[in-house]
Amino acid sequence: MADPITPRLTPIPIDGMTPCGRIATGAAAPCGEPARWHIQWLPGHGSFACAGHMAEARRLFAYIDRHQVGPDCNMPGALWSAGRCAVPRGQARAA
């Protein structure tokens, strides 16, 4: 069972760049271009997209919300709040 306090997050790569996670049909690996958008597909489920794949997502898919990638997007305990990622002051709220 997953720890309920630790959210499932994409680790920050060593170079500090969050990559686009779009995997095209038949592709062996994700896009990997620098992500510019953080997409919330369902509560608690999101992904990162480059500008080109965000345009594709807008055309083809339904999602709840999106915002430009910011410094809190990959922070442990960050939550989607009012159209952006934010780290709550208390860990109890993050859980």
N, C-alpha and C. Protein backbone atom coordinates (compact mmCIF):
# COMPACT_ATOMS: atom_id res chain seq x y z
N MET A 1 0.85 -1.19 0.00
CA MET A 1 0.00 0.00 0.00
C MET A 1 0.89 1.24 0.00
N ALA A 2 0.54 2.22 -0.80
CA ALA A 2 1.31 3.46 -0.89
C ALA A 2 1.14 4.28 0.38
N ASP A 3 2.18 4.97 0.75
CA ASP A 3 2.14 5.87 1.90
C ASP A 3 1.16 6.99 1.59
N PRO A 4 0.09 7.19 2.39
CA PRO A 4 -0.91 8.21 2.07
C PRO A 4 -0.40 9.65 2.22
N ILE A 5 0.76 9.84 2.84
CA ILE A 5 1.29 11.18 3.02
C ILE A 5 2.18 11.59 1.85
N THR A 6 2.77 10.62 1.17
CA THR A 6 3.68 10.93 0.07
C THR A 6 2.93 10.84 -1.25
N PRO A 7 2.69 11.98 -1.92
CA PRO A 7 1.97 11.93 -3.19
C PRO A 7 2.83 11.30 -4.29
N ARG A 8 2.19 10.75 -5.30
CA ARG A 8 2.90 10.23 -6.46
C ARG A 8 3.32 11.42 -7.30
N LEU A 9 4.60 11.64 -7.42
CA LEU A 9 5.10 12.78 -8.18
C LEU A 9 6.20 12.31 -9.13
N THR A 10 6.38 13.06 -10.19
CA THR A 10 7.49 12.81 -11.10
C THR A 10 8.73 13.45 -10.49
N PRO A 11 9.80 12.67 -10.27
CA PRO A 11 11.01 13.28 -9.68
C PRO A 11 11.58 14.38 -10.57
N ILE A 12 12.19 15.38 -9.97
CA ILE A 12 12.84 16.44 -10.73
C ILE A 12 14.12 15.88 -11.32
N PRO A 13 14.31 15.96 -12.62
CA PRO A 13 15.55 15.46 -13.22
C PRO A 13 16.77 16.23 -12.70
N ILE A 14 17.93 15.62 -12.82
CA ILE A 14 19.17 16.22 -12.32
C ILE A 14 19.42 17.60 -12.91
N ASP A 15 19.11 17.80 -14.19
CA ASP A 15 19.37 19.10 -14.81
C ASP A 15 18.32 20.15 -14.47
N GLY A 16 17.30 19.80 -13.69
CA GLY A 16 16.29 20.75 -13.26
C GLY A 16 15.17 20.96 -14.26
N MET A 17 15.25 20.34 -15.42
CA MET A 17 14.24 20.50 -16.47
C MET A 17 13.20 19.39 -16.35
N THR A 18 11.94 19.77 -16.30
CA THR A 18 10.86 18.79 -16.31
C THR A 18 10.55 18.45 -17.76
N PRO A 19 10.65 17.18 -18.15
CA PRO A 19 10.42 16.82 -19.55
C PRO A 19 8.95 16.59 -19.87
N CYS A 20 8.59 16.80 -21.12
CA CYS A 20 7.26 16.45 -21.63
C CYS A 20 7.10 14.94 -21.55
N GLY A 21 5.98 14.49 -21.04
CA GLY A 21 5.76 13.06 -20.86
C GLY A 21 4.93 12.40 -21.94
N ARG A 22 4.58 13.11 -22.99
CA ARG A 22 3.73 12.55 -24.05
C ARG A 22 4.46 11.44 -24.79
N ILE A 23 3.83 10.27 -24.84
CA ILE A 23 4.38 9.15 -25.59
C ILE A 23 3.48 8.94 -26.81
N ALA A 24 4.00 9.21 -27.98
CA ALA A 24 3.23 9.05 -29.21
C ALA A 24 3.01 7.57 -29.50
N THR A 25 1.94 7.26 -30.20
CA THR A 25 1.66 5.88 -30.57
C THR A 25 2.86 5.29 -31.30
N GLY A 26 3.32 4.15 -30.81
CA GLY A 26 4.45 3.47 -31.42
C GLY A 26 5.81 3.96 -30.97
N ALA A 27 5.87 5.03 -30.20
CA ALA A 27 7.15 5.56 -29.73
C ALA A 27 7.68 4.72 -28.59
N ALA A 28 8.99 4.64 -28.50
CA ALA A 28 9.63 3.86 -27.44
C ALA A 28 9.83 4.67 -26.16
N ALA A 29 9.83 6.00 -26.28
CA ALA A 29 10.10 6.85 -25.12
C ALA A 29 9.24 8.12 -25.19
N PRO A 30 9.07 8.79 -24.05
CA PRO A 30 8.34 10.06 -24.05
C PRO A 30 9.05 11.12 -24.88
N CYS A 31 8.32 12.17 -25.22
CA CYS A 31 8.83 13.29 -26.01
C CYS A 31 10.16 13.82 -25.47
N GLY A 32 10.18 14.22 -24.20
CA GLY A 32 11.41 14.67 -23.57
C GLY A 32 11.74 16.14 -23.76
N GLU A 33 11.00 16.86 -24.58
CA GLU A 33 11.23 18.31 -24.73
C GLU A 33 10.91 18.99 -23.40
N PRO A 34 11.44 20.18 -23.15
CA PRO A 34 11.11 20.88 -21.89
C PRO A 34 9.61 21.11 -21.77
N ALA A 35 9.05 20.71 -20.65
CA ALA A 35 7.62 20.91 -20.40
C ALA A 35 7.35 22.37 -20.11
N ARG A 36 6.27 22.87 -20.65
CA ARG A 36 5.83 24.25 -20.40
C ARG A 36 4.50 24.26 -19.66
N TRP A 37 3.78 23.14 -19.70
CA TRP A 37 2.45 23.06 -19.10
C TRP A 37 2.34 21.86 -18.16
N HIS A 38 1.59 22.04 -17.08
CA HIS A 38 1.25 20.98 -16.15
C HIS A 38 -0.26 20.79 -16.30
N ILE A 39 -0.67 19.59 -16.66
CA ILE A 39 -2.07 19.30 -16.96
C ILE A 39 -2.65 18.43 -15.85
N GLN A 40 -3.84 18.79 -15.38
CA GLN A 40 -4.56 17.96 -14.41
C GLN A 40 -5.65 17.21 -15.16
N TRP A 41 -5.46 15.90 -15.32
CA TRP A 41 -6.43 15.07 -16.05
C TRP A 41 -7.61 14.71 -15.17
N LEU A 42 -7.33 14.26 -13.96
CA LEU A 42 -8.31 13.90 -12.95
C LEU A 42 -7.75 14.38 -11.62
N PRO A 43 -8.57 14.50 -10.57
CA PRO A 43 -8.00 14.88 -9.28
C PRO A 43 -6.89 13.90 -8.89
N GLY A 44 -5.71 14.43 -8.61
CA GLY A 44 -4.58 13.60 -8.21
C GLY A 44 -3.79 12.99 -9.35
N HIS A 45 -4.17 13.27 -10.59
CA HIS A 45 -3.47 12.69 -11.74
C HIS A 45 -3.15 13.80 -12.74
N GLY A 46 -1.86 14.00 -12.98
CA GLY A 46 -1.45 15.03 -13.91
C GLY A 46 -0.26 14.59 -14.72
N SER A 47 0.11 15.41 -15.67
CA SER A 47 1.30 15.16 -16.46
C SER A 47 1.82 16.48 -16.99
N PHE A 48 3.01 16.41 -17.60
CA PHE A 48 3.67 17.59 -18.12
C PHE A 48 3.72 17.53 -19.64
N ALA A 49 3.56 18.69 -20.29
CA ALA A 49 3.54 18.74 -21.75
C ALA A 49 4.35 19.93 -22.26
N CYS A 50 5.04 19.71 -23.39
CA CYS A 50 5.69 20.82 -24.09
C CYS A 50 4.60 21.63 -24.79
N ALA A 51 4.96 22.75 -25.38
CA ALA A 51 3.98 23.62 -26.04
C ALA A 51 3.23 22.88 -27.14
N GLY A 52 3.94 22.12 -27.96
CA GLY A 52 3.29 21.40 -29.05
C GLY A 52 2.32 20.34 -28.57
N HIS A 53 2.69 19.61 -27.54
CA HIS A 53 1.80 18.57 -27.04
C HIS A 53 0.66 19.14 -26.20
N MET A 54 0.82 20.35 -25.64
CA MET A 54 -0.31 21.01 -24.98
C MET A 54 -1.35 21.39 -26.02
N ALA A 55 -0.90 21.87 -27.18
CA ALA A 55 -1.85 22.21 -28.26
C ALA A 55 -2.60 20.95 -28.69
N GLU A 56 -1.90 19.83 -28.77
CA GLU A 56 -2.55 18.56 -29.12
C GLU A 56 -3.57 18.17 -28.05
N ALA A 57 -3.20 18.30 -26.78
CA ALA A 57 -4.11 17.96 -25.68
C ALA A 57 -5.36 18.82 -25.72
N ARG A 58 -5.20 20.10 -26.01
CA ARG A 58 -6.36 21.00 -26.09
C ARG A 58 -7.32 20.59 -27.20
N ARG A 59 -6.77 20.10 -28.31
CA ARG A 59 -7.60 19.66 -29.44
C ARG A 59 -8.28 18.32 -29.21
N LEU A 60 -7.59 17.40 -28.56
CA LEU A 60 -8.04 16.01 -28.55
C LEU A 60 -8.58 15.47 -27.24
N PHE A 61 -8.24 16.09 -26.12
CA PHE A 61 -8.55 15.47 -24.84
C PHE A 61 -9.31 16.41 -23.91
N ALA A 62 -10.05 15.81 -22.98
CA ALA A 62 -10.71 16.56 -21.92
C ALA A 62 -9.81 16.51 -20.69
N TYR A 63 -9.62 17.64 -20.05
CA TYR A 63 -8.84 17.70 -18.82
C TYR A 63 -9.51 18.69 -17.89
N ILE A 64 -9.16 18.63 -16.61
CA ILE A 64 -9.79 19.50 -15.62
C ILE A 64 -9.21 20.90 -15.64
N ASP A 65 -7.87 20.98 -15.66
CA ASP A 65 -7.22 22.28 -15.55
C ASP A 65 -5.80 22.16 -16.10
N ARG A 66 -5.15 23.30 -16.26
CA ARG A 66 -3.75 23.36 -16.68
C ARG A 66 -3.16 24.66 -16.19
N HIS A 67 -1.85 24.67 -16.04
CA HIS A 67 -1.14 25.91 -15.73
C HIS A 67 0.29 25.76 -16.24
N GLN A 68 0.97 26.88 -16.38
CA GLN A 68 2.36 26.81 -16.81
C GLN A 68 3.19 26.18 -15.69
N VAL A 69 4.19 25.40 -16.08
CA VAL A 69 5.05 24.73 -15.11
C VAL A 69 5.71 25.79 -14.23
N GLY A 70 5.66 25.55 -12.93
CA GLY A 70 6.26 26.47 -11.97
C GLY A 70 7.12 25.73 -10.97
N PRO A 71 7.73 26.46 -10.06
CA PRO A 71 8.67 25.84 -9.12
C PRO A 71 8.05 24.86 -8.15
N ASP A 72 6.75 24.94 -7.88
CA ASP A 72 6.12 24.03 -6.92
C ASP A 72 5.58 22.76 -7.56
N CYS A 73 5.59 22.67 -8.88
CA CYS A 73 4.97 21.52 -9.54
C CYS A 73 5.57 20.17 -9.13
N ASN A 74 6.85 20.10 -8.90
CA ASN A 74 7.50 18.84 -8.53
C ASN A 74 7.91 18.78 -7.06
N MET A 75 7.42 19.71 -6.26
CA MET A 75 7.79 19.70 -4.84
C MET A 75 7.00 18.62 -4.11
N PRO A 76 7.67 17.86 -3.24
CA PRO A 76 6.94 16.87 -2.44
C PRO A 76 5.84 17.55 -1.62
N GLY A 77 4.66 16.98 -1.66
CA GLY A 77 3.53 17.52 -0.91
C GLY A 77 2.73 18.59 -1.63
N ALA A 78 3.16 18.97 -2.85
CA ALA A 78 2.44 20.01 -3.58
C ALA A 78 1.05 19.53 -3.97
N LEU A 79 0.09 20.42 -3.93
CA LEU A 79 -1.30 20.13 -4.31
C LEU A 79 -1.74 21.12 -5.37
N TRP A 80 -2.70 20.72 -6.18
CA TRP A 80 -3.29 21.60 -7.17
C TRP A 80 -4.22 22.54 -6.42
N SER A 81 -4.00 23.83 -6.51
CA SER A 81 -4.79 24.79 -5.75
C SER A 81 -5.04 26.03 -6.57
N ALA A 82 -6.30 26.31 -6.85
CA ALA A 82 -6.70 27.54 -7.56
C ALA A 82 -5.93 27.73 -8.86
N GLY A 83 -5.84 26.67 -9.65
CA GLY A 83 -5.23 26.77 -10.97
C GLY A 83 -3.71 26.76 -10.99
N ARG A 84 -3.07 26.30 -9.90
CA ARG A 84 -1.61 26.19 -9.88
C ARG A 84 -1.23 25.18 -8.81
N CYS A 85 0.03 24.80 -8.78
CA CYS A 85 0.53 23.92 -7.73
C CYS A 85 1.02 24.78 -6.57
N ALA A 86 0.78 24.31 -5.37
CA ALA A 86 1.23 25.03 -4.18
C ALA A 86 1.55 24.01 -3.10
N VAL A 87 2.53 24.33 -2.29
CA VAL A 87 2.90 23.46 -1.18
C VAL A 87 2.21 23.99 0.08
N PRO A 88 1.37 23.16 0.71
CA PRO A 88 0.69 23.60 1.93
C PRO A 88 1.68 23.82 3.06
N ARG A 89 1.32 24.68 3.99
CA ARG A 89 2.19 24.98 5.12
C ARG A 89 2.35 23.80 6.05
N GLY A 90 1.30 23.01 6.24
CA GLY A 90 1.36 21.87 7.14
C GLY A 90 1.26 20.56 6.38
N GLN A 91 2.05 19.58 6.75
CA GLN A 91 2.02 18.29 6.06
C GLN A 91 0.64 17.63 6.20
N ALA A 92 -0.08 17.91 7.28
CA ALA A 92 -1.41 17.33 7.45
C ALA A 92 -2.32 17.71 6.30
N ARG A 93 -2.20 18.95 5.79
CA ARG A 93 -3.01 19.37 4.64
C ARG A 93 -2.56 18.67 3.39
N ALA A 94 -1.28 18.38 3.24
CA ALA A 94 -0.77 17.70 2.05
C ALA A 94 -1.28 16.28 1.98
N ALA A 95 -1.49 15.66 3.14
CA ALA A 95 -1.97 14.29 3.15
C ALA A 95 -3.39 14.23 2.64
